[in-house]
Every structure is written in C-alpha cells, then in structure tokens.
Amino acid sequence: MKFGQPEYLYLLWSVLALYLFFRWAWNRKQKLIDRFAGGTLFGHLVSPRTLTCNRSRVFWWLAAWVLLTGALAQPRWGFQWDQLHQKGADVIVAIDVSNSMLATDIKPNRLERAKHKVTDLIRMLEGDRIGLVAFAGTSFVQCPLTLDYNAAEIFLSALGVDLIPVQGTALGHAIGTSVKAFSRKEKKSKALILITDGEDHSGLALSAAREAKAEGVKIFVIGIGNTEGVPIPAAGGGFKKDEKGNMIMSRLNESLLRQIAETTGGSFVKSVTGDMDLEKIYLEEIRQKVESKDLKSNRRKRWQEQFQWFLVLGLVFLMVERSVRER
C-alpha cells in the first residue's frame, strides 16, 4: 500500500486529542450527575443504556474521523503497468558567439537578445530534445541533445564571446559540428536552427548544407543584422579596424544564408529589429515539417485508487452515529 497525499496522515494525531477531550467531557459529566442525583438515584431516573449509547456515539464518530482522514491521504494498493512513449524531434540551436554579436544595434546586444529568444524557445518545447552549438572561427557542442530543459538553459546562459578565441564566422564548421551532434543511426526528425550575424569566412557553408541534407537535417537560418553592415565593437572600446585603419563592418550575406536553408528544405528569417520569429519557426516549421520520432519509452507503475472504500465506510459510520439515541 502507498498513499498519494501522505501528509494528511498527520491528522490522525487529532484522533488522540479528540479522545482525550471526550474522556475529559465524560468525567466532567459523571461528576455533574453525581452532584445532581447521585449514582443510586440516577439509575432510577435514567435508563442505564443511556451511558452505553453515549460511549457508542463517541466510538462511531472517532472511527468515522479516522476513515475520512485515511480517504484524504488517498490510499492505493494494487497496480498495473502503463507503457509510456515520448515523441518529438531533435533540435540543435547553433549560435554565433563572435565579437560582432556584441553590436548594440539590437538591445542590449545581438548575443544577449539571441540568448533571450532561445530561452523562450526552450520553455516552449513539447517533448523535443534540445542541443546547443557555439561557433565563431570554429565551433563546439556546448550542450548535447537532452530532454533536460533546465540544464539546457544553464548551458545557454554560459554562452559568451570569450568561449572561442578563434574569431570569424565559420558557418561550414558550425553546420558540420551540429550534424555530428545528431544521431547517425536515422535520417529524420532533425532540425538545426542557425543564428548568425555575419558572412561565411570559410567558404564551406553550402557544401556543409548539402551534407546536412544527406543526413536528413533541415536547417532554419536566422540572420541578425542587415546587408549594409555595422561596425564590430573592440574589446578595449571603440570599433575594430583593419591594418589600413579602416573600420571593419559585419555584413549579412542574405543570399548565402537563404541558399543554406533552401538546400535542406528549411527556411530563412531576417531579423533586423531583434524579433527572431523562433516561436513561428518552431510551431509552423519544425513541428509541421520535421517528422517526430520515439525519443523515450518506459513503463510506469500506476497504482489503483482505493480511497472510495474509506470514504464510504466513514459516511456509514457517521450515519450509524447519528442513529444512536440517548434516552
């Protein structure tokens, strides 16, 4: 036997308190009877059955209290096994953590806004596994695919531009690292969300996208910024400049990013104001276009509720208590 709400069992201590109260009340009543009529005279005035009925009513009332308290604790015995299947897709979010993501054209800056939006996405997931990849001039898996959304949020909060010393935007490497983070046993239920603000400095993005398609990965690209470009903040203040003293601008290669998405059957979203449409991408693209699979299967022991027996018996005892009359 087990209990669904075992904390209610503490109320059984009140049975002892009630018993002591009724005991005190009984003794007080006996003293008043003795003062009024004395034991001998009282026996001639009132039927001896009266005192017996009084004790009986107390017994039935306390028994009903015990049973109703037991019903509140939700006693359970007997069980059956339920087979549980959790279905969903594998979603990896690859986030650009290069220095250009510190640009403040999107408040507070591009990286913090992206992290905030991805946090909202994680809290929206419905049984899908989530993973994180950080990339700049190279890339690595920040969080492997997991159903532990709280852990994913912790890994996401640790993302920063100081994680990868090699600067640049190696989209091809990021896509390759993300593809390897998926299971290689099956070629379905895989979605990659690529969040970046720059160009591809490796020149391998399209070939990596074709390899991703061969592995069944659909890529959904979110391009942050615009094609005119913005200056890149420098670590010591000001903006980065090249060897000739010219300011380095980070420009969004929209046509390349769109090709990456279209190659794999995904989609491209351009974000200039900071609204990344992650909710729309998840609900209308990933949930609709990416096939779900069994991610987790296990058995759960389901106990049978038995509180109704305690409840019925408790009510019966109350009815018996009410039927006992003191004459």
C-alpha atoms as a PDB file:
ATOM      1  CA  MET A   1       0.000   0.000   0.000  1.00  0.00           C
ATOM      2  CA  LYS A   2       1.061   3.575  -0.627  1.00  0.00           C
ATOM      3  CA  PHE A   3      -0.554   6.988  -0.210  1.00  0.00           C
ATOM      4  CA  GLY A   4      -0.999   9.759  -2.776  1.00  0.00           C
ATOM      5  CA  GLN A   5      -1.169  12.504  -0.106  1.00  0.00           C
ATOM      6  CA  PRO A   6       0.622  11.014   2.931  1.00  0.00           C
ATOM      7  CA  GLU A   7       0.842  14.406   4.667  1.00  0.00           C
ATOM      8  CA  TYR A   8      -2.825  14.073   5.628  1.00  0.00           C
ATOM      9  CA  LEU A   9      -1.929  11.113   7.836  1.00  0.00           C
ATOM     10  CA  TYR A  10      -0.617  13.627  10.376  1.00  0.00           C
ATOM     11  CA  LEU A  11      -4.252  14.479  11.039  1.00  0.00           C
ATOM     12  CA  LEU A  12      -4.558  11.113  12.784  1.00  0.00           C
ATOM     13  CA  TRP A  13      -2.838  12.719  15.767  1.00  0.00           C
ATOM     14  CA  SER A  14      -6.047  14.706  16.170  1.00  0.00           C
ATOM     15  CA  VAL A  15      -7.827  11.412  17.000  1.00  0.00           C
ATOM     16  CA  LEU A  16      -5.815  11.183  20.205  1.00  0.00           C
ATOM     17  CA  ALA A  17      -6.644  14.802  21.022  1.00  0.00           C
ATOM     18  CA  LEU A  18     -10.339  14.176  20.392  1.00  0.00           C
ATOM     19  CA  TYR A  19     -10.276  11.010  22.506  1.00  0.00           C
ATOM     20  CA  LEU A  20      -8.716  12.907  25.424  1.00  0.00           C
ATOM     21  CA  PHE A  21     -11.310  15.676  25.027  1.00  0.00           C
ATOM     22  CA  PHE A  22     -14.197  13.210  25.056  1.00  0.00           C
ATOM     23  CA  ARG A  23     -12.637  11.445  28.060  1.00  0.00           C
ATOM     24  CA  TRP A  24     -12.424  14.754  29.934  1.00  0.00           C
ATOM     25  CA  ALA A  25     -16.007  15.625  28.966  1.00  0.00           C
ATOM     26  CA  TRP A  26     -17.207  12.176  30.139  1.00  0.00           C
ATOM     27  CA  ASN A  27     -15.545  12.545  33.548  1.00  0.00           C
ATOM     28  CA  ARG A  28     -16.950  16.049  33.942  1.00  0.00           C
ATOM     29  CA  LYS A  29     -20.421  14.788  33.040  1.00  0.00           C
ATOM     30  CA  GLN A  30     -20.159  11.994  35.617  1.00  0.00           C
ATOM     31  CA  LYS A  31     -19.256  14.486  38.338  1.00  0.00           C
ATOM     32  CA  LEU A  32     -22.211  16.697  37.442  1.00  0.00           C
ATOM     33  CA  ILE A  33     -24.534  13.659  37.514  1.00  0.00           C
ATOM     34  CA  ASP A  34     -23.239  12.662  40.936  1.00  0.00           C
ATOM     35  CA  ARG A  35     -23.764  16.208  42.234  1.00  0.00           C
ATOM     36  CA  PHE A  36     -27.284  16.348  40.818  1.00  0.00           C
ATOM     37  CA  ALA A  37     -28.729  12.951  41.662  1.00  0.00           C
ATOM     38  CA  GLY A  38     -26.070  10.619  42.951  1.00  0.00           C
ATOM     39  CA  GLY A  39     -25.278   7.257  41.411  1.00  0.00           C
ATOM     40  CA  THR A  40     -28.206   5.361  43.018  1.00  0.00           C
ATOM     41  CA  LEU A  41     -30.944   7.855  42.216  1.00  0.00           C
ATOM     42  CA  PHE A  42     -29.701   8.437  38.673  1.00  0.00           C
ATOM     43  CA  GLY A  43     -30.091   4.746  37.931  1.00  0.00           C
ATOM     44  CA  HIS A  44     -33.813   5.007  38.774  1.00  0.00           C
ATOM     45  CA  LEU A  45     -34.349   8.194  36.731  1.00  0.00           C
ATOM     46  CA  VAL A  46     -32.482   7.318  33.512  1.00  0.00           C
ATOM     47  CA  SER A  47     -32.024   4.010  31.689  1.00  0.00           C
ATOM     48  CA  PRO A  48     -28.504   2.517  32.104  1.00  0.00           C
ATOM     49  CA  ARG A  49     -28.482   2.211  28.310  1.00  0.00           C
ATOM     50  CA  THR A  50     -28.030   5.989  28.085  1.00  0.00           C
ATOM     51  CA  LEU A  51     -24.395   5.885  29.179  1.00  0.00           C
ATOM     52  CA  THR A  52     -23.678   2.953  26.864  1.00  0.00           C
ATOM     53  CA  CYS A  53     -25.191   4.845  23.909  1.00  0.00           C
ATOM     54  CA  ASN A  54     -23.083   7.865  24.759  1.00  0.00           C
ATOM     55  CA  ARG A  55     -19.889   5.799  24.609  1.00  0.00           C
ATOM     56  CA  SER A  56     -21.087   4.163  21.386  1.00  0.00           C
ATOM     57  CA  ARG A  57     -21.645   7.508  19.673  1.00  0.00           C
ATOM     58  CA  VAL A  58     -18.112   8.622  20.574  1.00  0.00           C
ATOM     59  CA  PHE A  59     -16.685   5.376  19.180  1.00  0.00           C
ATOM     60  CA  TRP A  60     -18.541   5.652  15.851  1.00  0.00           C
ATOM     61  CA  TRP A  61     -17.631   9.337  15.490  1.00  0.00           C
ATOM     62  CA  LEU A  62     -13.910   8.723  16.098  1.00  0.00           C
ATOM     63  CA  ALA A  63     -13.931   5.728  13.752  1.00  0.00           C
ATOM     64  CA  ALA A  64     -15.549   7.855  11.023  1.00  0.00           C
ATOM     65  CA  TRP A  65     -12.915  10.567  11.562  1.00  0.00           C
ATOM     66  CA  VAL A  66     -10.103   8.014  11.133  1.00  0.00           C
ATOM     67  CA  LEU A  67     -11.618   6.642   7.917  1.00  0.00           C
ATOM     68  CA  LEU A  68     -12.289  10.065   6.372  1.00  0.00           C
ATOM     69  CA  THR A  69      -8.745  11.155   7.216  1.00  0.00           C
ATOM     70  CA  GLY A  70      -7.493   7.981   5.553  1.00  0.00           C
ATOM     71  CA  ALA A  71      -9.541   8.843   2.440  1.00  0.00           C
ATOM     72  CA  LEU A  72      -7.862  12.271   2.277  1.00  0.00           C
ATOM     73  CA  ALA A  73      -4.454  10.540   2.242  1.00  0.00           C
ATOM     74  CA  GLN A  74      -5.528   8.716  -0.960  1.00  0.00           C
ATOM     75  CA  PRO A  75      -4.635   5.104  -0.096  1.00  0.00           C
ATOM     76  CA  ARG A  76      -3.613   2.986  -3.074  1.00  0.00           C
ATOM     77  CA  TRP A  77      -2.993  -0.719  -3.474  1.00  0.00           C
ATOM     78  CA  GLY A  78      -2.871  -2.910  -6.499  1.00  0.00           C
ATOM     79  CA  PHE A  79      -1.244  -1.556  -9.677  1.00  0.00           C
ATOM     80  CA  GLN A  80      -0.889  -2.023 -13.397  1.00  0.00           C
ATOM     81  CA  TRP A  81       1.898  -1.107 -15.800  1.00  0.00           C
ATOM     82  CA  ASP A  82       1.388   1.676 -18.365  1.00  0.00           C
ATOM     83  CA  GLN A  83       3.641   1.902 -21.403  1.00  0.00           C
ATOM     84  CA  LEU A  84       4.802   5.493 -21.980  1.00  0.00           C
ATOM     85  CA  HIS A  85       6.097   6.771 -25.322  1.00  0.00           C
ATOM     86  CA  GLN A  86       7.567  10.257 -25.693  1.00  0.00           C
ATOM     87  CA  LYS A  87       7.657  11.545 -29.264  1.00  0.00           C
ATOM     88  CA  GLY A  88       9.423  14.582 -30.620  1.00  0.00           C
ATOM     89  CA  ALA A  89      12.232  15.891 -32.801  1.00  0.00           C
ATOM     90  CA  ASP A  90      15.900  16.624 -32.212  1.00  0.00           C
ATOM     91  CA  VAL A  91      16.544  20.380 -32.324  1.00  0.00           C
ATOM     92  CA  ILE A  92      20.026  21.882 -32.213  1.00  0.00           C
ATOM     93  CA  VAL A  93      20.496  25.633 -31.955  1.00  0.00           C
ATOM     94  CA  ALA A  94      23.828  26.882 -33.295  1.00  0.00           C
ATOM     95  CA  ILE A  95      24.588  30.403 -32.022  1.00  0.00           C
ATOM     96  CA  ASP A  96      27.211  32.767 -33.393  1.00  0.00           C
ATOM     97  CA  VAL A  97      29.410  33.975 -30.487  1.00  0.00           C
ATOM     98  CA  SER A  98      31.859  36.065 -32.483  1.00  0.00           C
ATOM     99  CA  ASN A  99      32.703  39.600 -31.350  1.00  0.00           C
ATOM    100  CA  SER A 100      30.311  41.104 -33.883  1.00  0.00           C
ATOM    101  CA  MET A 101      27.433  39.696 -31.817  1.00  0.00           C
ATOM    102  CA  LEU A 102      28.218  42.409 -29.259  1.00  0.00           C
ATOM    103  CA  ALA A 103      26.897  45.065 -31.647  1.00  0.00           C
ATOM    104  CA  THR A 104      24.239  47.162 -29.936  1.00  0.00           C
ATOM    105  CA  ASP A 105      22.020  47.879 -32.941  1.00  0.00           C
ATOM    106  CA  ILE A 106      19.753  45.337 -31.209  1.00  0.00           C
ATOM    107  CA  LYS A 107      19.406  45.998 -27.496  1.00  0.00           C
ATOM    108  CA  PRO A 108      21.099  45.136 -25.205  1.00  0.00           C
ATOM    109  CA  ASN A 109      23.242  43.465 -27.875  1.00  0.00           C
ATOM    110  CA  ARG A 110      22.777  40.826 -30.538  1.00  0.00           C
ATOM    111  CA  LEU A 111      24.069  37.901 -28.475  1.00  0.00           C
ATOM    112  CA  GLU A 112      22.024  38.652 -25.362  1.00  0.00           C
ATOM    113  CA  ARG A 113      18.895  39.127 -27.457  1.00  0.00           C
ATOM    114  CA  ALA A 114      19.525  35.805 -29.210  1.00  0.00           C
ATOM    115  CA  LYS A 115      20.024  34.031 -25.869  1.00  0.00           C
ATOM    116  CA  HIS A 116      16.798  35.528 -24.548  1.00  0.00           C
ATOM    117  CA  LYS A 117      14.852  34.314 -27.588  1.00  0.00           C
ATOM    118  CA  VAL A 118      16.377  30.824 -27.396  1.00  0.00           C
ATOM    119  CA  THR A 119      15.405  30.655 -23.716  1.00  0.00           C
ATOM    120  CA  ASP A 120      11.815  31.347 -24.756  1.00  0.00           C
ATOM    121  CA  LEU A 121      12.113  28.572 -27.343  1.00  0.00           C
ATOM    122  CA  ILE A 122      13.381  26.048 -24.774  1.00  0.00           C
ATOM    123  CA  ARG A 123      10.429  26.817 -22.493  1.00  0.00           C
ATOM    124  CA  MET A 124       8.100  26.244 -25.431  1.00  0.00           C
ATOM    125  CA  LEU A 125       9.369  22.774 -26.360  1.00  0.00           C
ATOM    126  CA  GLU A 126       6.902  19.902 -26.131  1.00  0.00           C
ATOM    127  CA  GLY A 127       8.895  16.707 -25.709  1.00  0.00           C
ATOM    128  CA  ASP A 128      11.631  17.561 -28.234  1.00  0.00           C
ATOM    129  CA  ARG A 129      15.298  17.146 -27.420  1.00  0.00           C
ATOM    130  CA  ILE A 130      17.396  20.333 -27.480  1.00  0.00           C
ATOM    131  CA  GLY A 131      21.116  20.820 -28.035  1.00  0.00           C
ATOM    132  CA  LEU A 132      23.404  23.872 -28.311  1.00  0.00           C
ATOM    133  CA  VAL A 133      26.402  24.583 -30.539  1.00  0.00           C
ATOM    134  CA  ALA A 134      28.579  27.692 -30.157  1.00  0.00           C
ATOM    135  CA  PHE A 135      30.597  28.907 -33.116  1.00  0.00           C
ATOM    136  CA  ALA A 136      32.826  31.709 -34.324  1.00  0.00           C
ATOM    137  CA  GLY A 137      36.026  30.903 -36.263  1.00  0.00           C
ATOM    138  CA  THR A 138      35.479  27.317 -35.112  1.00  0.00           C
ATOM    139  CA  SER A 139      32.699  25.530 -33.268  1.00  0.00           C
ATOM    140  CA  PHE A 140      31.974  23.033 -30.499  1.00  0.00           C
ATOM    141  CA  VAL A 141      28.965  21.389 -28.831  1.00  0.00           C
ATOM    142  CA  GLN A 142      28.019  23.470 -25.803  1.00  0.00           C
ATOM    143  CA  CYS A 143      25.139  21.178 -24.771  1.00  0.00           C
ATOM    144  CA  PRO A 144      24.476  17.717 -26.265  1.00  0.00           C
ATOM    145  CA  LEU A 145      20.924  16.733 -27.138  1.00  0.00           C
ATOM    146  CA  THR A 146      18.878  16.427 -23.959  1.00  0.00           C
ATOM    147  CA  LEU A 147      15.351  16.366 -22.586  1.00  0.00           C
ATOM    148  CA  ASP A 148      16.559  18.252 -19.507  1.00  0.00           C
ATOM    149  CA  TYR A 149      15.436  21.756 -20.439  1.00  0.00           C
ATOM    150  CA  ASN A 150      16.715  23.284 -17.196  1.00  0.00           C
ATOM    151  CA  ALA A 151      20.223  22.021 -17.957  1.00  0.00           C
ATOM    152  CA  ALA A 152      19.975  23.426 -21.491  1.00  0.00           C
ATOM    153  CA  GLU A 153      19.107  26.861 -20.070  1.00  0.00           C
ATOM    154  CA  ILE A 154      22.146  26.726 -17.789  1.00  0.00           C
ATOM    155  CA  PHE A 155      24.447  25.930 -20.736  1.00  0.00           C
ATOM    156  CA  LEU A 156      22.788  28.685 -22.768  1.00  0.00           C
ATOM    157  CA  SER A 157      23.392  31.298 -20.067  1.00  0.00           C
ATOM    158  CA  ALA A 158      27.128  30.475 -20.153  1.00  0.00           C
ATOM    159  CA  LEU A 159      27.479  31.439 -23.833  1.00  0.00           C
ATOM    160  CA  GLY A 160      29.743  34.431 -24.440  1.00  0.00           C
ATOM    161  CA  VAL A 161      32.179  35.823 -26.990  1.00  0.00           C
ATOM    162  CA  ASP A 162      35.125  34.696 -24.849  1.00  0.00           C
ATOM    163  CA  LEU A 163      34.272  30.998 -25.277  1.00  0.00           C
ATOM    164  CA  ILE A 164      36.026  30.698 -28.647  1.00  0.00           C
ATOM    165  CA  PRO A 165      39.375  32.504 -29.105  1.00  0.00           C
ATOM    166  CA  VAL A 166      39.347  31.942 -32.883  1.00  0.00           C
ATOM    167  CA  GLN A 167      37.282  34.783 -34.299  1.00  0.00           C
ATOM    168  CA  GLY A 168      35.399  34.835 -37.580  1.00  0.00           C
ATOM    169  CA  THR A 169      32.237  33.166 -38.831  1.00  0.00           C
ATOM    170  CA  ALA A 170      32.854  29.592 -39.932  1.00  0.00           C
ATOM    171  CA  LEU A 171      29.337  28.584 -40.970  1.00  0.00           C
ATOM    172  CA  GLY A 172      30.511  25.392 -42.647  1.00  0.00           C
ATOM    173  CA  HIS A 173      32.285  24.222 -39.493  1.00  0.00           C
ATOM    174  CA  ALA A 174      29.260  25.115 -37.369  1.00  0.00           C
ATOM    175  CA  ILE A 175      26.918  23.130 -39.621  1.00  0.00           C
ATOM    176  CA  GLY A 176      29.299  20.164 -39.637  1.00  0.00           C
ATOM    177  CA  THR A 177      29.623  20.165 -35.836  1.00  0.00           C
ATOM    178  CA  SER A 178      25.843  20.365 -35.480  1.00  0.00           C
ATOM    179  CA  VAL A 179      25.247  17.490 -37.908  1.00  0.00           C
ATOM    180  CA  LYS A 180      27.685  15.289 -35.977  1.00  0.00           C
ATOM    181  CA  ALA A 181      25.795  16.085 -32.751  1.00  0.00           C
ATOM    182  CA  PHE A 182      22.708  14.339 -34.158  1.00  0.00           C
ATOM    183  CA  SER A 183      22.299  10.575 -34.098  1.00  0.00           C
ATOM    184  CA  ARG A 184      23.775   8.971 -37.216  1.00  0.00           C
ATOM    185  CA  LYS A 185      21.512   5.895 -36.996  1.00  0.00           C
ATOM    186  CA  GLU A 186      18.473   7.550 -38.595  1.00  0.00           C
ATOM    187  CA  LYS A 187      17.924  10.311 -41.126  1.00  0.00           C
ATOM    188  CA  LYS A 188      14.805  12.012 -39.868  1.00  0.00           C
ATOM    189  CA  SER A 189      13.493  14.204 -37.042  1.00  0.00           C
ATOM    190  CA  LYS A 190      16.483  16.556 -37.168  1.00  0.00           C
ATOM    191  CA  ALA A 191      16.257  20.346 -37.147  1.00  0.00           C
ATOM    192  CA  LEU A 192      19.117  22.847 -36.956  1.00  0.00           C
ATOM    193  CA  ILE A 193      18.416  26.479 -36.061  1.00  0.00           C
ATOM    194  CA  LEU A 194      21.370  28.605 -37.164  1.00  0.00           C
ATOM    195  CA  ILE A 195      21.586  32.084 -35.610  1.00  0.00           C
ATOM    196  CA  THR A 196      24.291  34.321 -37.061  1.00  0.00           C
ATOM    197  CA  ASP A 197      25.006  37.951 -37.974  1.00  0.00           C
ATOM    198  CA  GLY A 198      27.905  37.585 -40.361  1.00  0.00           C
ATOM    199  CA  GLU A 199      29.349  36.228 -43.546  1.00  0.00           C
ATOM    200  CA  ASP A 200      30.865  32.818 -44.148  1.00  0.00           C
ATOM    201  CA  HIS A 201      34.633  33.185 -43.905  1.00  0.00           C
ATOM    202  CA  SER A 202      35.326  29.524 -44.597  1.00  0.00           C
ATOM    203  CA  GLY A 203      33.566  29.166 -47.950  1.00  0.00           C
ATOM    204  CA  LEU A 204      32.331  25.713 -46.965  1.00  0.00           C
ATOM    205  CA  ALA A 205      28.789  26.582 -45.912  1.00  0.00           C
ATOM    206  CA  LEU A 206      26.946  25.296 -48.988  1.00  0.00           C
ATOM    207  CA  SER A 207      28.861  22.015 -49.137  1.00  0.00           C
ATOM    208  CA  ALA A 208      28.172  21.527 -45.409  1.00  0.00           C
ATOM    209  CA  ALA A 209      24.484  22.240 -46.060  1.00  0.00           C
ATOM    210  CA  ARG A 210      24.392  19.540 -48.747  1.00  0.00           C
ATOM    211  CA  GLU A 211      25.982  17.079 -46.319  1.00  0.00           C
ATOM    212  CA  ALA A 212      23.372  18.083 -43.736  1.00  0.00           C
ATOM    213  CA  LYS A 213      20.591  17.357 -46.230  1.00  0.00           C
ATOM    214  CA  ALA A 214      22.086  13.935 -46.897  1.00  0.00           C
ATOM    215  CA  GLU A 215      21.855  13.251 -43.156  1.00  0.00           C
ATOM    216  CA  GLY A 216      18.205  14.340 -43.053  1.00  0.00           C
ATOM    217  CA  VAL A 217      18.845  17.650 -41.270  1.00  0.00           C
ATOM    218  CA  LYS A 218      16.636  20.645 -42.066  1.00  0.00           C
ATOM    219  CA  ILE A 219      18.335  23.989 -41.411  1.00  0.00           C
ATOM    220  CA  PHE A 220      16.375  27.043 -40.306  1.00  0.00           C
ATOM    221  CA  VAL A 221      18.535  30.152 -40.549  1.00  0.00           C
ATOM    222  CA  ILE A 222      18.023  33.387 -38.624  1.00  0.00           C
ATOM    223  CA  GLY A 223      20.146  36.218 -39.956  1.00  0.00           C
ATOM    224  CA  ILE A 224      20.696  39.061 -37.475  1.00  0.00           C
ATOM    225  CA  GLY A 225      21.545  42.468 -38.897  1.00  0.00           C
ATOM    226  CA  ASN A 226      21.420  43.928 -42.383  1.00  0.00           C
ATOM    227  CA  THR A 227      23.367  43.799 -45.633  1.00  0.00           C
ATOM    228  CA  GLU A 228      24.771  47.323 -45.192  1.00  0.00           C
ATOM    229  CA  GLY A 229      26.769  46.157 -42.195  1.00  0.00           C
ATOM    230  CA  VAL A 230      27.576  47.542 -38.758  1.00  0.00           C
ATOM    231  CA  PRO A 231      30.924  48.178 -37.020  1.00  0.00           C
ATOM    232  CA  ILE A 232      32.273  45.469 -34.717  1.00  0.00           C
ATOM    233  CA  PRO A 233      32.904  46.544 -31.092  1.00  0.00           C
ATOM    234  CA  ALA A 234      36.528  46.235 -29.934  1.00  0.00           C
ATOM    235  CA  ALA A 235      37.469  44.716 -26.571  1.00  0.00           C
ATOM    236  CA  GLY A 236      39.169  47.895 -25.317  1.00  0.00           C
ATOM    237  CA  GLY A 237      36.420  50.194 -26.541  1.00  0.00           C
ATOM    238  CA  GLY A 238      35.641  51.734 -29.880  1.00  0.00           C
ATOM    239  CA  PHE A 239      35.386  49.617 -33.011  1.00  0.00           C
ATOM    240  CA  LYS A 240      37.646  47.172 -34.795  1.00  0.00           C
ATOM    241  CA  LYS A 241      39.773  48.406 -37.710  1.00  0.00           C
ATOM    242  CA  ASP A 242      41.856  46.674 -40.333  1.00  0.00           C
ATOM    243  CA  GLU A 243      45.578  47.163 -40.966  1.00  0.00           C
ATOM    244  CA  LYS A 244      44.869  50.263 -43.043  1.00  0.00           C
ATOM    245  CA  GLY A 245      42.829  51.857 -40.294  1.00  0.00           C
ATOM    246  CA  ASN A 246      39.511  51.279 -41.979  1.00  0.00           C
ATOM    247  CA  MET A 247      36.582  50.264 -39.786  1.00  0.00           C
ATOM    248  CA  ILE A 248      35.638  46.592 -40.139  1.00  0.00           C
ATOM    249  CA  MET A 249      31.979  46.101 -40.946  1.00  0.00           C
ATOM    250  CA  SER A 250      29.945  42.965 -40.309  1.00  0.00           C
ATOM    251  CA  ARG A 251      27.596  42.372 -43.239  1.00  0.00           C
ATOM    252  CA  LEU A 252      24.858  39.817 -43.507  1.00  0.00           C
ATOM    253  CA  ASN A 253      25.226  37.553 -46.527  1.00  0.00           C
ATOM    254  CA  GLU A 254      21.495  37.101 -47.010  1.00  0.00           C
ATOM    255  CA  SER A 255      21.683  35.238 -50.310  1.00  0.00           C
ATOM    256  CA  LEU A 256      24.090  32.614 -48.885  1.00  0.00           C
ATOM    257  CA  LEU A 257      22.030  32.069 -45.745  1.00  0.00           C
ATOM    258  CA  ARG A 258      18.877  31.710 -47.824  1.00  0.00           C
ATOM    259  CA  GLN A 259      20.588  29.120 -50.026  1.00  0.00           C
ATOM    260  CA  ILE A 260      21.669  27.125 -46.952  1.00  0.00           C
ATOM    261  CA  ALA A 261      18.100  26.968 -45.714  1.00  0.00           C
ATOM    262  CA  GLU A 262      16.568  26.151 -49.102  1.00  0.00           C
ATOM    263  CA  THR A 263      19.154  23.426 -49.782  1.00  0.00           C
ATOM    264  CA  THR A 264      17.956  21.434 -46.765  1.00  0.00           C
ATOM    265  CA  GLY A 265      14.233  22.210 -47.033  1.00  0.00           C
ATOM    266  CA  GLY A 266      14.290  24.695 -44.178  1.00  0.00           C
ATOM    267  CA  SER A 267      13.610  28.420 -44.154  1.00  0.00           C
ATOM    268  CA  PHE A 268      15.388  31.758 -43.728  1.00  0.00           C
ATOM    269  CA  VAL A 269      14.294  34.629 -41.480  1.00  0.00           C
ATOM    270  CA  LYS A 270      15.952  38.025 -41.485  1.00  0.00           C
ATOM    271  CA  SER A 271      15.958  39.782 -38.128  1.00  0.00           C
ATOM    272  CA  VAL A 272      16.795  43.484 -38.092  1.00  0.00           C
ATOM    273  CA  THR A 273      14.792  44.573 -35.047  1.00  0.00           C
ATOM    274  CA  GLY A 274      15.638  41.592 -32.805  1.00  0.00           C
ATOM    275  CA  ASP A 275      12.395  39.686 -33.382  1.00  0.00           C
ATOM    276  CA  MET A 276      13.657  36.269 -34.489  1.00  0.00           C
ATOM    277  CA  ASP A 277      10.294  34.530 -35.001  1.00  0.00           C
ATOM    278  CA  LEU A 278      11.555  31.467 -33.127  1.00  0.00           C
ATOM    279  CA  GLU A 279       8.025  30.695 -31.951  1.00  0.00           C
ATOM    280  CA  LYS A 280       6.767  30.724 -35.535  1.00  0.00           C
ATOM    281  CA  ILE A 281       9.714  28.645 -36.748  1.00  0.00           C
ATOM    282  CA  TYR A 282       9.101  26.036 -34.054  1.00  0.00           C
ATOM    283  CA  LEU A 283       5.304  25.837 -34.323  1.00  0.00           C
ATOM    284  CA  GLU A 284       4.852  26.291 -38.070  1.00  0.00           C
ATOM    285  CA  GLU A 285       8.100  24.922 -39.483  1.00  0.00           C
ATOM    286  CA  ILE A 286       9.722  22.381 -37.163  1.00  0.00           C
ATOM    287  CA  ARG A 287       6.509  20.927 -35.738  1.00  0.00           C
ATOM    288  CA  GLN A 288       4.946  20.740 -39.214  1.00  0.00           C
ATOM    289  CA  LYS A 289       7.891  19.827 -41.469  1.00  0.00           C
ATOM    290  CA  VAL A 290      10.113  17.743 -39.181  1.00  0.00           C
ATOM    291  CA  GLU A 291       8.853  14.227 -38.512  1.00  0.00           C
ATOM    292  CA  SER A 292       8.592  13.200 -34.863  1.00  0.00           C
ATOM    293  CA  LYS A 293      10.119  10.003 -33.515  1.00  0.00           C
ATOM    294  CA  ASP A 294      10.075   7.994 -30.294  1.00  0.00           C
ATOM    295  CA  LEU A 295      12.623   9.670 -28.042  1.00  0.00           C
ATOM    296  CA  LYS A 296      11.898   7.830 -24.826  1.00  0.00           C
ATOM    297  CA  SER A 297       9.940   4.726 -23.934  1.00  0.00           C
ATOM    298  CA  ASN A 298       9.478   3.286 -20.475  1.00  0.00           C
ATOM    299  CA  ARG A 299       6.933   1.662 -18.196  1.00  0.00           C
ATOM    300  CA  ARG A 300       5.153   3.420 -15.361  1.00  0.00           C
ATOM    301  CA  LYS A 301       3.519   1.668 -12.413  1.00  0.00           C
ATOM    302  CA  ARG A 302       0.001   3.073 -11.970  1.00  0.00           C
ATOM    303  CA  TRP A 303      -1.465   2.383  -8.544  1.00  0.00           C
ATOM    304  CA  GLN A 304      -5.205   1.837  -8.100  1.00  0.00           C
ATOM    305  CA  GLU A 305      -7.022   4.456  -6.034  1.00  0.00           C
ATOM    306  CA  GLN A 306      -8.846   2.889  -3.053  1.00  0.00           C
ATOM    307  CA  PHE A 307      -9.910   5.989  -1.126  1.00  0.00           C
ATOM    308  CA  GLN A 308     -13.559   5.389  -2.014  1.00  0.00           C
ATOM    309  CA  TRP A 309     -13.756   2.466   0.425  1.00  0.00           C
ATOM    310  CA  PHE A 310     -12.565   4.656   3.291  1.00  0.00           C
ATOM    311  CA  LEU A 311     -14.945   7.423   2.243  1.00  0.00           C
ATOM    312  CA  VAL A 312     -17.991   5.141   2.049  1.00  0.00           C
ATOM    313  CA  LEU A 313     -17.231   3.445   5.380  1.00  0.00           C
ATOM    314  CA  GLY A 314     -16.624   6.811   7.014  1.00  0.00           C
ATOM    315  CA  LEU A 315     -20.012   8.094   5.853  1.00  0.00           C
ATOM    316  CA  VAL A 316     -21.681   4.863   7.004  1.00  0.00           C
ATOM    317  CA  PHE A 317     -20.125   5.246  10.468  1.00  0.00           C
ATOM    318  CA  LEU A 318     -21.394   8.836  10.638  1.00  0.00           C
ATOM    319  CA  MET A 319     -24.899   7.626   9.769  1.00  0.00           C
ATOM    320  CA  VAL A 320     -24.646   4.957  12.497  1.00  0.00           C
ATOM    321  CA  GLU A 321     -23.505   7.598  14.985  1.00  0.00           C
ATOM    322  CA  ARG A 322     -26.481   9.778  14.107  1.00  0.00           C
ATOM    323  CA  SER A 323     -28.866   6.831  14.514  1.00  0.00           C
ATOM    324  CA  VAL A 324     -27.786   6.149  18.128  1.00  0.00           C
ATOM    325  CA  ARG A 325     -30.154   7.981  20.507  1.00  0.00           C
ATOM    326  CA  GLU A 326     -29.524   8.736  24.166  1.00  0.00           C
ATOM    327  CA  ARG A 327     -32.791   8.111  26.075  1.00  0.00           C
END
